[in-house]
Amino acid sequence: MRLLTKAEACRELSVSLSTLDRRIASGEVCTKREPHGQRHRVYVMLDEDLPGNGRLADSELVAAQERIRDLKGQVELLQGQLEMERRRNGELADELKTEQARRGPWWRFRQLRG
């Protein structure tokens, strides 16, 4: 894995900066951001093992994009399930507080003493 500046990656991949930015935005190209003063530097991560200096064949690119779409769908589904569980846990916490308030402060003491 090599880290290149965006300019170096453009030369390596033989693409324009706008094309590289589109590929970064779509997830075709991985990046790493590193702090640099008040800003961040963006480095493009290229795998040395890829044929064609980091270029994917069209069929590989389509397959990778489909996999990314599938994974994004799974993430959305899991985020929805997580939100439902969080709501349910909040409801259960409210029910517990209500029941504790109804029984009063001595209920737990009496329960412990048998």
PDB file of N, CA and C in Angstrom:
ATOM      1  N   MET A   1       0.853  -1.173   0.000  1.00  0.00           N
ATOM      2  CA  MET A   1       0.000   0.000   0.000  1.00  0.00           C
ATOM      3  C   MET A   1       0.897   1.234   0.000  1.00  0.00           C
ATOM      4  N   ARG A   2       0.609   2.129  -0.915  1.00  0.00           N
ATOM      5  CA  ARG A   2       1.376   3.362  -1.010  1.00  0.00           C
ATOM      6  C   ARG A   2       0.461   4.551  -0.774  1.00  0.00           C
ATOM      7  N   LEU A   3       0.980   5.564  -0.100  1.00  0.00           N
ATOM      8  CA  LEU A   3       0.266   6.818   0.092  1.00  0.00           C
ATOM      9  C   LEU A   3       0.852   7.848  -0.854  1.00  0.00           C
ATOM     10  N   LEU A   4      -0.001   8.419  -1.684  1.00  0.00           N
ATOM     11  CA  LEU A   4       0.428   9.424  -2.644  1.00  0.00           C
ATOM     12  C   LEU A   4      -0.395  10.688  -2.455  1.00  0.00           C
ATOM     13  N   THR A   5       0.200  11.825  -2.791  1.00  0.00           N
ATOM     14  CA  THR A   5      -0.602  13.052  -2.813  1.00  0.00           C
ATOM     15  C   THR A   5      -1.592  12.920  -3.953  1.00  0.00           C
ATOM     16  N   LYS A   6      -2.590  13.791  -3.969  1.00  0.00           N
ATOM     17  CA  LYS A   6      -3.570  13.726  -5.045  1.00  0.00           C
ATOM     18  C   LYS A   6      -2.913  13.987  -6.401  1.00  0.00           C
ATOM     19  N   ALA A   7      -1.951  14.914  -6.427  1.00  0.00           N
ATOM     20  CA  ALA A   7      -1.258  15.208  -7.688  1.00  0.00           C
ATOM     21  C   ALA A   7      -0.478  13.991  -8.168  1.00  0.00           C
ATOM     22  N   GLU A   8       0.227  13.323  -7.251  1.00  0.00           N
ATOM     23  CA  GLU A   8       0.976  12.119  -7.620  1.00  0.00           C
ATOM     24  C   GLU A   8       0.040  11.012  -8.097  1.00  0.00           C
ATOM     25  N   ALA A   9      -1.104  10.873  -7.408  1.00  0.00           N
ATOM     26  CA  ALA A   9      -2.069   9.844  -7.791  1.00  0.00           C
ATOM     27  C   ALA A   9      -2.647  10.123  -9.178  1.00  0.00           C
ATOM     28  N   CYS A  10      -2.877  11.401  -9.488  1.00  0.00           N
ATOM     29  CA  CYS A  10      -3.376  11.755 -10.823  1.00  0.00           C
ATOM     30  C   CYS A  10      -2.382  11.325 -11.895  1.00  0.00           C
ATOM     31  N   ARG A  11      -1.123  11.602 -11.656  1.00  0.00           N
ATOM     32  CA  ARG A  11      -0.094  11.199 -12.623  1.00  0.00           C
ATOM     33  C   ARG A  11      -0.007   9.672 -12.721  1.00  0.00           C
ATOM     34  N   GLU A  12      -0.039   9.011 -11.583  1.00  0.00           N
ATOM     35  CA  GLU A  12       0.084   7.550 -11.539  1.00  0.00           C
ATOM     36  C   GLU A  12      -1.082   6.869 -12.251  1.00  0.00           C
ATOM     37  N   LEU A  13      -2.283   7.396 -12.033  1.00  0.00           N
ATOM     38  CA  LEU A  13      -3.485   6.791 -12.619  1.00  0.00           C
ATOM     39  C   LEU A  13      -3.828   7.349 -13.991  1.00  0.00           C
ATOM     40  N   SER A  14      -3.107   8.382 -14.404  1.00  0.00           N
ATOM     41  CA  SER A  14      -3.355   9.048 -15.693  1.00  0.00           C
ATOM     42  C   SER A  14      -4.783   9.579 -15.787  1.00  0.00           C
ATOM     43  N   VAL A  15      -5.204  10.284 -14.735  1.00  0.00           N
ATOM     44  CA  VAL A  15      -6.532  10.895 -14.717  1.00  0.00           C
ATOM     45  C   VAL A  15      -6.397  12.352 -14.265  1.00  0.00           C
ATOM     46  N   SER A  16      -7.444  13.130 -14.528  1.00  0.00           N
ATOM     47  CA  SER A  16      -7.445  14.518 -14.086  1.00  0.00           C
ATOM     48  C   SER A  16      -7.805  14.590 -12.599  1.00  0.00           C
ATOM     49  N   LEU A  17      -7.562  15.739 -12.015  1.00  0.00           N
ATOM     50  CA  LEU A  17      -7.884  15.935 -10.595  1.00  0.00           C
ATOM     51  C   LEU A  17      -9.385  15.793 -10.360  1.00  0.00           C
ATOM     52  N   SER A  18     -10.200  16.320 -11.274  1.00  0.00           N
ATOM     53  CA  SER A  18     -11.657  16.215 -11.095  1.00  0.00           C
ATOM     54  C   SER A  18     -12.110  14.756 -11.182  1.00  0.00           C
ATOM     55  N   THR A  19     -11.488  13.980 -12.069  1.00  0.00           N
ATOM     56  CA  THR A  19     -11.822  12.548 -12.157  1.00  0.00           C
ATOM     57  C   THR A  19     -11.414  11.831 -10.879  1.00  0.00           C
ATOM     58  N   LEU A  20     -10.241  12.169 -10.374  1.00  0.00           N
ATOM     59  CA  LEU A  20      -9.795  11.561  -9.116  1.00  0.00           C
ATOM     60  C   LEU A  20     -10.744  11.923  -7.980  1.00  0.00           C
ATOM     61  N   ASP A  21     -11.168  13.181  -7.910  1.00  0.00           N
ATOM     62  CA  ASP A  21     -12.108  13.604  -6.871  1.00  0.00           C
ATOM     63  C   ASP A  21     -13.430  12.846  -6.980  1.00  0.00           C
ATOM     64  N   ARG A  22     -13.912  12.620  -8.205  1.00  0.00           N
ATOM     65  CA  ARG A  22     -15.147  11.848  -8.392  1.00  0.00           C
ATOM     66  C   ARG A  22     -14.963  10.415  -7.909  1.00  0.00           C
ATOM     67  N   ARG A  23     -13.813   9.832  -8.222  1.00  0.00           N
ATOM     68  CA  ARG A  23     -13.546   8.456  -7.794  1.00  0.00           C
ATOM     69  C   ARG A  23     -13.427   8.370  -6.269  1.00  0.00           C
ATOM     70  N   ILE A  24     -12.856   9.392  -5.670  1.00  0.00           N
ATOM     71  CA  ILE A  24     -12.767   9.424  -4.198  1.00  0.00           C
ATOM     72  C   ILE A  24     -14.159   9.529  -3.607  1.00  0.00           C
ATOM     73  N   ALA A  25     -14.988  10.426  -4.165  1.00  0.00           N
ATOM     74  CA  ALA A  25     -16.347  10.627  -3.651  1.00  0.00           C
ATOM     75  C   ALA A  25     -17.203   9.372  -3.793  1.00  0.00           C
ATOM     76  N   SER A  26     -16.990   8.606  -4.872  1.00  0.00           N
ATOM     77  CA  SER A  26     -17.804   7.406  -5.081  1.00  0.00           C
ATOM     78  C   SER A  26     -17.270   6.199  -4.316  1.00  0.00           C
ATOM     79  N   GLY A  27     -16.077   6.343  -3.724  1.00  0.00           N
ATOM     80  CA  GLY A  27     -15.510   5.241  -2.960  1.00  0.00           C
ATOM     81  C   GLY A  27     -14.639   4.310  -3.781  1.00  0.00           C
ATOM     82  N   GLU A  28     -14.412   4.640  -5.051  1.00  0.00           N
ATOM     83  CA  GLU A  28     -13.567   3.800  -5.889  1.00  0.00           C
ATOM     84  C   GLU A  28     -12.108   3.865  -5.445  1.00  0.00           C
ATOM     85  N   VAL A  29     -11.712   5.015  -4.913  1.00  0.00           N
ATOM     86  CA  VAL A  29     -10.339   5.230  -4.482  1.00  0.00           C
ATOM     87  C   VAL A  29     -10.352   5.550  -2.994  1.00  0.00           C
ATOM     88  N   CYS A  30      -9.518   4.885  -2.233  1.00  0.00           N
ATOM     89  CA  CYS A  30      -9.437   5.109  -0.786  1.00  0.00           C
ATOM     90  C   CYS A  30      -8.467   6.244  -0.489  1.00  0.00           C
ATOM     91  N   THR A  31      -8.770   6.990   0.562  1.00  0.00           N
ATOM     92  CA  THR A  31      -7.910   8.100   0.951  1.00  0.00           C
ATOM     93  C   THR A  31      -7.629   8.041   2.435  1.00  0.00           C
ATOM     94  N   LYS A  32      -6.635   8.793   2.834  1.00  0.00           N
ATOM     95  CA  LYS A  32      -6.299   8.940   4.246  1.00  0.00           C
ATOM     96  C   LYS A  32      -6.060  10.417   4.493  1.00  0.00           C
ATOM     97  N   ARG A  33      -6.693  10.949   5.535  1.00  0.00           N
ATOM     98  CA  ARG A  33      -6.524  12.356   5.881  1.00  0.00           C
ATOM     99  C   ARG A  33      -5.597  12.449   7.078  1.00  0.00           C
ATOM    100  N   GLU A  34      -4.622  13.329   6.969  1.00  0.00           N
ATOM    101  CA  GLU A  34      -3.686  13.540   8.074  1.00  0.00           C
ATOM    102  C   GLU A  34      -3.669  15.017   8.431  1.00  0.00           C
ATOM    103  N   PRO A  35      -3.673  15.336   9.729  1.00  0.00           N
ATOM    104  CA  PRO A  35      -3.643  16.739  10.144  1.00  0.00           C
ATOM    105  C   PRO A  35      -2.376  17.432   9.642  1.00  0.00           C
ATOM    106  N   HIS A  36      -2.557  18.659   9.214  1.00  0.00           N
ATOM    107  CA  HIS A  36      -1.436  19.472   8.749  1.00  0.00           C
ATOM    108  C   HIS A  36      -1.743  20.919   9.129  1.00  0.00           C
ATOM    109  N   GLY A  37      -1.311  21.306  10.323  1.00  0.00           N
ATOM    110  CA  GLY A  37      -1.641  22.650  10.807  1.00  0.00           C
ATOM    111  C   GLY A  37      -3.129  22.763  11.075  1.00  0.00           C
ATOM    112  N   GLN A  38      -3.748  23.801  10.537  1.00  0.00           N
ATOM    113  CA  GLN A  38      -5.189  24.019  10.705  1.00  0.00           C
ATOM    114  C   GLN A  38      -6.014  23.176   9.736  1.00  0.00           C
ATOM    115  N   ARG A  39      -5.361  22.558   8.783  1.00  0.00           N
ATOM    116  CA  ARG A  39      -6.055  21.809   7.734  1.00  0.00           C
ATOM    117  C   ARG A  39      -5.666  20.335   7.780  1.00  0.00           C
ATOM    118  N   HIS A  40      -6.108  19.623   6.779  1.00  0.00           N
ATOM    119  CA  HIS A  40      -5.743  18.218   6.618  1.00  0.00           C
ATOM    120  C   HIS A  40      -5.146  18.021   5.237  1.00  0.00           C
ATOM    121  N   ARG A  41      -4.206  17.116   5.145  1.00  0.00           N
ATOM    122  CA  ARG A  41      -3.689  16.700   3.853  1.00  0.00           C
ATOM    123  C   ARG A  41      -4.384  15.400   3.488  1.00  0.00           C
ATOM    124  N   VAL A  42      -4.755  15.295   2.229  1.00  0.00           N
ATOM    125  CA  VAL A  42      -5.414  14.086   1.736  1.00  0.00           C
ATOM    126  C   VAL A  42      -4.408  13.284   0.936  1.00  0.00           C
ATOM    127  N   TYR A  43      -4.245  12.028   1.330  1.00  0.00           N
ATOM    128  CA  TYR A  43      -3.368  11.120   0.610  1.00  0.00           C
ATOM    129  C   TYR A  43      -4.219  10.024  -0.017  1.00  0.00           C
ATOM    130  N   VAL A  44      -3.869   9.653  -1.224  1.00  0.00           N
ATOM    131  CA  VAL A  44      -4.566   8.586  -1.927  1.00  0.00           C
ATOM    132  C   VAL A  44      -3.817   7.293  -1.653  1.00  0.00           C
ATOM    133  N   MET A  45      -4.570   6.263  -1.282  1.00  0.00           N
ATOM    134  CA  MET A  45      -3.965   4.968  -0.970  1.00  0.00           C
ATOM    135  C   MET A  45      -4.091   4.068  -2.203  1.00  0.00           C
ATOM    136  N   LEU A  46      -2.956   3.700  -2.751  1.00  0.00           N
ATOM    137  CA  LEU A  46      -2.947   2.801  -3.902  1.00  0.00           C
ATOM    138  C   LEU A  46      -2.293   1.491  -3.511  1.00  0.00           C
ATOM    139  N   ASP A  47      -2.917   0.415  -3.940  1.00  0.00           N
ATOM    140  CA  ASP A  47      -2.385  -0.918  -3.675  1.00  0.00           C
ATOM    141  C   ASP A  47      -1.401  -1.267  -4.775  1.00  0.00           C
ATOM    142  N   GLU A  48      -0.211  -1.634  -4.417  1.00  0.00           N
ATOM    143  CA  GLU A  48       0.824  -1.940  -5.404  1.00  0.00           C
ATOM    144  C   GLU A  48       0.527  -3.225  -6.167  1.00  0.00           C
ATOM    145  N   ASP A  49      -0.325  -4.076  -5.605  1.00  0.00           N
ATOM    146  CA  ASP A  49      -0.600  -5.363  -6.237  1.00  0.00           C
ATOM    147  C   ASP A  49      -1.611  -5.270  -7.363  1.00  0.00           C
ATOM    148  N   LEU A  50      -2.319  -4.140  -7.463  1.00  0.00           N
ATOM    149  CA  LEU A  50      -3.336  -4.029  -8.496  1.00  0.00           C
ATOM    150  C   LEU A  50      -2.677  -3.939  -9.874  1.00  0.00           C
ATOM    151  N   PRO A  51      -3.223  -4.633 -10.850  1.00  0.00           N
ATOM    152  CA  PRO A  51      -2.656  -4.530 -12.193  1.00  0.00           C
ATOM    153  C   PRO A  51      -2.895  -3.146 -12.768  1.00  0.00           C
ATOM    154  N   GLY A  52      -2.030  -2.710 -13.646  1.00  0.00           N
ATOM    155  CA  GLY A  52      -2.211  -1.424 -14.296  1.00  0.00           C
ATOM    156  C   GLY A  52      -1.984  -0.255 -13.371  1.00  0.00           C
ATOM    157  N   ASN A  53      -1.038  -0.375 -12.452  1.00  0.00           N
ATOM    158  CA  ASN A  53      -0.723   0.734 -11.536  1.00  0.00           C
ATOM    159  C   ASN A  53      -1.934   1.209 -10.748  1.00  0.00           C
ATOM    160  N   GLY A  54      -2.692   0.283 -10.209  1.00  0.00           N
ATOM    161  CA  GLY A  54      -3.795   0.667  -9.344  1.00  0.00           C
ATOM    162  C   GLY A  54      -5.134   0.803 -10.037  1.00  0.00           C
ATOM    163  N   ARG A  55      -5.185   0.523 -11.324  1.00  0.00           N
ATOM    164  CA  ARG A  55      -6.453   0.632 -12.043  1.00  0.00           C
ATOM    165  C   ARG A  55      -7.188  -0.701 -11.995  1.00  0.00           C
ATOM    166  N   LEU A  56      -8.482  -0.609 -11.795  1.00  0.00           N
ATOM    167  CA  LEU A  56      -9.308  -1.817 -11.813  1.00  0.00           C
ATOM    168  C   LEU A  56      -9.880  -2.002 -13.213  1.00  0.00           C
ATOM    169  N   ALA A  57     -10.061  -3.245 -13.608  1.00  0.00           N
ATOM    170  CA  ALA A  57     -10.760  -3.518 -14.862  1.00  0.00           C
ATOM    171  C   ALA A  57     -12.210  -3.102 -14.688  1.00  0.00           C
ATOM    172  N   ASP A  58     -12.870  -2.808 -15.799  1.00  0.00           N
ATOM    173  CA  ASP A  58     -14.262  -2.350 -15.733  1.00  0.00           C
ATOM    174  C   ASP A  58     -15.153  -3.337 -14.989  1.00  0.00           C
ATOM    175  N   SER A  59     -14.973  -4.632 -15.248  1.00  0.00           N
ATOM    176  CA  SER A  59     -15.811  -5.628 -14.578  1.00  0.00           C
ATOM    177  C   SER A  59     -15.537  -5.649 -13.077  1.00  0.00           C
ATOM    178  N   GLU A  60     -14.266  -5.478 -12.693  1.00  0.00           N
ATOM    179  CA  GLU A  60     -13.929  -5.433 -11.263  1.00  0.00           C
ATOM    180  C   GLU A  60     -14.511  -4.189 -10.617  1.00  0.00           C
ATOM    181  N   LEU A  61     -14.480  -3.087 -11.350  1.00  0.00           N
ATOM    182  CA  LEU A  61     -15.016  -1.828 -10.839  1.00  0.00           C
ATOM    183  C   LEU A  61     -16.519  -1.933 -10.627  1.00  0.00           C
ATOM    184  N   VAL A  62     -17.223  -2.511 -11.572  1.00  0.00           N
ATOM    185  CA  VAL A  62     -18.674  -2.690 -11.443  1.00  0.00           C
ATOM    186  C   VAL A  62     -18.985  -3.596 -10.256  1.00  0.00           C
ATOM    187  N   ALA A  63     -18.237  -4.676 -10.125  1.00  0.00           N
ATOM    188  CA  ALA A  63     -18.451  -5.599  -9.002  1.00  0.00           C
ATOM    189  C   ALA A  63     -18.180  -4.896  -7.678  1.00  0.00           C
ATOM    190  N   ALA A  64     -17.122  -4.095  -7.631  1.00  0.00           N
ATOM    191  CA  ALA A  64     -16.798  -3.370  -6.399  1.00  0.00           C
ATOM    192  C   ALA A  64     -17.890  -2.354  -6.066  1.00  0.00           C
ATOM    193  N   GLN A  65     -18.399  -1.660  -7.066  1.00  0.00           N
ATOM    194  CA  GLN A  65     -19.469  -0.687  -6.836  1.00  0.00           C
ATOM    195  C   GLN A  65     -20.733  -1.370  -6.338  1.00  0.00           C
ATOM    196  N   GLU A  66     -21.058  -2.527  -6.903  1.00  0.00           N
ATOM    197  CA  GLU A  66     -22.232  -3.276  -6.438  1.00  0.00           C
ATOM    198  C   GLU A  66     -22.049  -3.719  -4.987  1.00  0.00           C
ATOM    199  N   ARG A  67     -20.860  -4.165  -4.666  1.00  0.00           N
ATOM    200  CA  ARG A  67     -20.576  -4.594  -3.283  1.00  0.00           C
ATOM    201  C   ARG A  67     -20.704  -3.416  -2.331  1.00  0.00           C
ATOM    202  N   ILE A  68     -20.202  -2.261  -2.733  1.00  0.00           N
ATOM    203  CA  ILE A  68     -20.322  -1.050  -1.906  1.00  0.00           C
ATOM    204  C   ILE A  68     -21.784  -0.704  -1.700  1.00  0.00           C
ATOM    205  N   ARG A  69     -22.602  -0.769  -2.761  1.00  0.00           N
ATOM    206  CA  ARG A  69     -24.037  -0.487  -2.626  1.00  0.00           C
ATOM    207  C   ARG A  69     -24.697  -1.474  -1.657  1.00  0.00           C
ATOM    208  N   ASP A  70     -24.341  -2.767  -1.798  1.00  0.00           N
ATOM    209  CA  ASP A  70     -24.904  -3.778  -0.892  1.00  0.00           C
ATOM    210  C   ASP A  70     -24.533  -3.486   0.558  1.00  0.00           C
ATOM    211  N   LEU A  71     -23.268  -3.143   0.778  1.00  0.00           N
ATOM    212  CA  LEU A  71     -22.812  -2.859   2.138  1.00  0.00           C
ATOM    213  C   LEU A  71     -23.483  -1.608   2.697  1.00  0.00           C
ATOM    214  N   LYS A  72     -23.672  -0.599   1.862  1.00  0.00           N
ATOM    215  CA  LYS A  72     -24.364   0.609   2.319  1.00  0.00           C
ATOM    216  C   LYS A  72     -25.803   0.268   2.723  1.00  0.00           C
ATOM    217  N   GLY A  73     -26.443  -0.605   1.963  1.00  0.00           N
ATOM    218  CA  GLY A  73     -27.795  -1.035   2.312  1.00  0.00           C
ATOM    219  C   GLY A  73     -27.826  -1.762   3.646  1.00  0.00           C
ATOM    220  N   GLN A  74     -26.845  -2.624   3.860  1.00  0.00           N
ATOM    221  CA  GLN A  74     -26.761  -3.340   5.125  1.00  0.00           C
ATOM    222  C   GLN A  74     -26.526  -2.382   6.283  1.00  0.00           C
ATOM    223  N   VAL A  75     -25.683  -1.387   6.071  1.00  0.00           N
ATOM    224  CA  VAL A  75     -25.416  -0.400   7.121  1.00  0.00           C
ATOM    225  C   VAL A  75     -26.691   0.361   7.460  1.00  0.00           C
ATOM    226  N   GLU A  76     -27.447   0.772   6.446  1.00  0.00           N
ATOM    227  CA  GLU A  76     -28.706   1.485   6.692  1.00  0.00           C
ATOM    228  C   GLU A  76     -29.679   0.620   7.481  1.00  0.00           C
ATOM    229  N   LEU A  77     -29.778  -0.658   7.119  1.00  0.00           N
ATOM    230  CA  LEU A  77     -30.661  -1.575   7.832  1.00  0.00           C
ATOM    231  C   LEU A  77     -30.240  -1.705   9.293  1.00  0.00           C
ATOM    232  N   LEU A  78     -28.954  -1.897   9.528  1.00  0.00           N
ATOM    233  CA  LEU A  78     -28.452  -2.041  10.899  1.00  0.00           C
ATOM    234  C   LEU A  78     -28.618  -0.754  11.700  1.00  0.00           C
ATOM    235  N   GLN A  79     -28.453   0.391  11.050  1.00  0.00           N
ATOM    236  CA  GLN A  79     -28.666   1.654  11.752  1.00  0.00           C
ATOM    237  C   GLN A  79     -30.128   1.800  12.166  1.00  0.00           C
ATOM    238  N   GLY A  80     -31.038   1.367  11.312  1.00  0.00           N
ATOM    239  CA  GLY A  80     -32.456   1.400  11.658  1.00  0.00           C
ATOM    240  C   GLY A  80     -32.770   0.481  12.828  1.00  0.00           C
ATOM    241  N   GLN A  81     -32.199  -0.713  12.810  1.00  0.00           N
ATOM    242  CA  GLN A  81     -32.414  -1.647  13.916  1.00  0.00           C
ATOM    243  C   GLN A  81     -31.832  -1.101  15.218  1.00  0.00           C
ATOM    244  N   LEU A  82     -30.666  -0.490  15.134  1.00  0.00           N
ATOM    245  CA  LEU A  82     -30.042   0.092  16.313  1.00  0.00           C
ATOM    246  C   LEU A  82     -30.911   1.205  16.883  1.00  0.00           C
ATOM    247  N   GLU A  83     -31.453   2.043  16.029  1.00  0.00           N
ATOM    248  CA  GLU A  83     -32.312   3.135  16.500  1.00  0.00           C
ATOM    249  C   GLU A  83     -33.568   2.581  17.174  1.00  0.00           C
ATOM    250  N   MET A  84     -34.152   1.517  16.630  1.00  0.00           N
ATOM    251  CA  MET A  84     -35.325   0.897  17.253  1.00  0.00           C
ATOM    252  C   MET A  84     -34.966   0.353  18.637  1.00  0.00           C
ATOM    253  N   GLU A  85     -33.820  -0.294  18.759  1.00  0.00           N
ATOM    254  CA  GLU A  85     -33.388  -0.833  20.051  1.00  0.00           C
ATOM    255  C   GLU A  85     -33.138   0.289  21.060  1.00  0.00           C
ATOM    256  N   ARG A  86     -32.560   1.379  20.599  1.00  0.00           N
ATOM    257  CA  ARG A  86     -32.325   2.507  21.499  1.00  0.00           C
ATOM    258  C   ARG A  86     -33.643   3.085  22.010  1.00  0.00           C
ATOM    259  N   ARG A  87     -34.627   3.203  21.102  1.00  0.00           N
ATOM    260  CA  ARG A  87     -35.935   3.698  21.536  1.00  0.00           C
ATOM    261  C   ARG A  87     -36.565   2.749  22.550  1.00  0.00           C
ATOM    262  N   ARG A  88     -36.503   1.459  22.267  1.00  0.00           N
ATOM    263  CA  ARG A  88     -37.093   0.462  23.173  1.00  0.00           C
ATOM    264  C   ARG A  88     -36.393   0.482  24.529  1.00  0.00           C
ATOM    265  N   ASN A  89     -35.063   0.603  24.530  1.00  0.00           N
ATOM    266  CA  ASN A  89     -34.337   0.684  25.798  1.00  0.00           C
ATOM    267  C   ASN A  89     -34.746   1.925  26.584  1.00  0.00           C
ATOM    268  N   GLY A  90     -34.976   3.030  25.889  1.00  0.00           N
ATOM    269  CA  GLY A  90     -35.443   4.246  26.556  1.00  0.00           C
ATOM    270  C   GLY A  90     -36.821   4.046  27.174  1.00  0.00           C
ATOM    271  N   GLU A  91     -37.702   3.358  26.427  1.00  0.00           N
ATOM    272  CA  GLU A  91     -39.040   3.074  26.947  1.00  0.00           C
ATOM    273  C   GLU A  91     -38.955   2.182  28.186  1.00  0.00           C
ATOM    274  N   LEU A  92     -38.105   1.169  28.136  1.00  0.00           N
ATOM    275  CA  LEU A  92     -37.963   0.277  29.282  1.00  0.00           C
ATOM    276  C   LEU A  92     -37.378   1.009  30.489  1.00  0.00           C
ATOM    277  N   ALA A  93     -36.444   1.900  30.266  1.00  0.00           N
ATOM    278  CA  ALA A  93     -35.875   2.683  31.365  1.00  0.00           C
ATOM    279  C   ALA A  93     -36.952   3.564  31.998  1.00  0.00           C
ATOM    280  N   ASP A  94     -37.814   4.154  31.164  1.00  0.00           N
ATOM    281  CA  ASP A  94     -38.907   4.974  31.690  1.00  0.00           C
ATOM    282  C   ASP A  94     -39.878   4.128  32.506  1.00  0.00           C
ATOM    283  N   GLU A  95     -40.194   2.932  32.008  1.00  0.00           N
ATOM    284  CA  GLU A  95     -41.094   2.036  32.736  1.00  0.00           C
ATOM    285  C   GLU A  95     -40.491   1.649  34.086  1.00  0.00           C
ATOM    286  N   LEU A  96     -39.197   1.373  34.099  1.00  0.00           N
ATOM    287  CA  LEU A  96     -38.528   1.009  35.340  1.00  0.00           C
ATOM    288  C   LEU A  96     -38.585   2.157  36.343  1.00  0.00           C
ATOM    289  N   LYS A  97     -38.313   3.360  35.901  1.00  0.00           N
ATOM    290  CA  LYS A  97     -38.372   4.521  36.795  1.00  0.00           C
ATOM    291  C   LYS A  97     -39.774   4.722  37.344  1.00  0.00           C
ATOM    292  N   THR A  98     -40.770   4.556  36.497  1.00  0.00           N
ATOM    293  CA  THR A  98     -42.159   4.702  36.926  1.00  0.00           C
ATOM    294  C   THR A  98     -42.497   3.659  37.990  1.00  0.00           C
ATOM    295  N   GLU A  99     -42.109   2.421  37.761  1.00  0.00           N
ATOM    296  CA  GLU A  99     -42.398   1.344  38.712  1.00  0.00           C
ATOM    297  C   GLU A  99     -41.654   1.568  40.027  1.00  0.00           C
ATOM    298  N   GLN A 100     -40.402   2.017  39.952  1.00  0.00           N
ATOM    299  CA  GLN A 100     -39.651   2.301  41.174  1.00  0.00           C
ATOM    300  C   GLN A 100     -40.297   3.436  41.959  1.00  0.00           C
ATOM    301  N   ALA A 101     -40.764   4.441  41.263  1.00  0.00           N
ATOM    302  CA  ALA A 101     -41.426   5.560  41.943  1.00  0.00           C
ATOM    303  C   ALA A 101     -42.748   5.105  42.563  1.00  0.00           C
ATOM    304  N   ARG A 102     -43.472   4.230  41.877  1.00  0.00           N
ATOM    305  CA  ARG A 102     -44.756   3.736  42.389  1.00  0.00           C
ATOM    306  C   ARG A 102     -44.558   2.913  43.658  1.00  0.00           C
ATOM    307  N   ARG A 103     -43.530   2.091  43.698  1.00  0.00           N
ATOM    308  CA  ARG A 103     -43.305   1.210  44.846  1.00  0.00           C
ATOM    309  C   ARG A 103     -42.691   1.946  46.030  1.00  0.00           C
ATOM    310  N   GLY A 104     -42.034   3.038  45.783  1.00  0.00           N
ATOM    311  CA  GLY A 104     -41.470   3.820  46.879  1.00  0.00           C
ATOM    312  C   GLY A 104     -40.058   3.407  47.224  1.00  0.00           C
ATOM    313  N   PRO A 105     -39.386   4.208  48.039  1.00  0.00           N
ATOM    314  CA  PRO A 105     -37.978   3.953  48.332  1.00  0.00           C
ATOM    315  C   PRO A 105     -37.748   2.739  49.230  1.00  0.00           C
ATOM    316  N   TRP A 106     -38.777   2.314  50.002  1.00  0.00           N
ATOM    317  CA  TRP A 106     -38.555   1.210  50.940  1.00  0.00           C
ATOM    318  C   TRP A 106     -38.780  -0.154  50.329  1.00  0.00           C
ATOM    319  N   TRP A 107     -39.298  -0.214  49.119  1.00  0.00           N
ATOM    320  CA  TRP A 107     -39.576  -1.505  48.490  1.00  0.00           C
ATOM    321  C   TRP A 107     -38.297  -2.324  48.329  1.00  0.00           C
ATOM    322  N   ARG A 108     -37.239  -1.715  47.828  1.00  0.00           N
ATOM    323  CA  ARG A 108     -35.983  -2.434  47.611  1.00  0.00           C
ATOM    324  C   ARG A 108     -35.401  -2.900  48.949  1.00  0.00           C
ATOM    325  N   PHE A 109     -35.503  -2.083  49.977  1.00  0.00           N
ATOM    326  CA  PHE A 109     -34.988  -2.439  51.305  1.00  0.00           C
ATOM    327  C   PHE A 109     -35.752  -3.670  51.843  1.00  0.00           C
ATOM    328  N   ARG A 110     -37.075  -3.656  51.724  1.00  0.00           N
ATOM    329  CA  ARG A 110     -37.884  -4.769  52.189  1.00  0.00           C
ATOM    330  C   ARG A 110     -37.573  -6.025  51.398  1.00  0.00           C
ATOM    331  N   GLN A 111     -37.326  -5.873  50.090  1.00  0.00           N
ATOM    332  CA  GLN A 111     -37.035  -7.014  49.258  1.00  0.00           C
ATOM    333  C   GLN A 111     -35.697  -7.654  49.665  1.00  0.00           C
ATOM    334  N   LEU A 112     -34.730  -6.871  50.014  1.00  0.00           N
ATOM    335  CA  LEU A 112     -33.420  -7.388  50.407  1.00  0.00           C
ATOM    336  C   LEU A 112     -33.479  -8.110  51.753  1.00  0.00           C
ATOM    337  N   ARG A 113     -34.316  -7.639  52.665  1.00  0.00           N
ATOM    338  CA  ARG A 113     -34.402  -8.234  54.001  1.00  0.00           C
ATOM    339  C   ARG A 113     -35.203  -9.524  54.006  1.00  0.00           C
ATOM    340  N   GLY A 114     -35.915  -9.758  52.938  1.00  0.00           N
ATOM    341  CA  GLY A 114     -36.639 -11.020  52.834  1.00  0.00           C
ATOM    342  C   GLY A 114     -37.962 -10.878  53.362  1.00  0.00           C
TER     343      GLY A 114
END
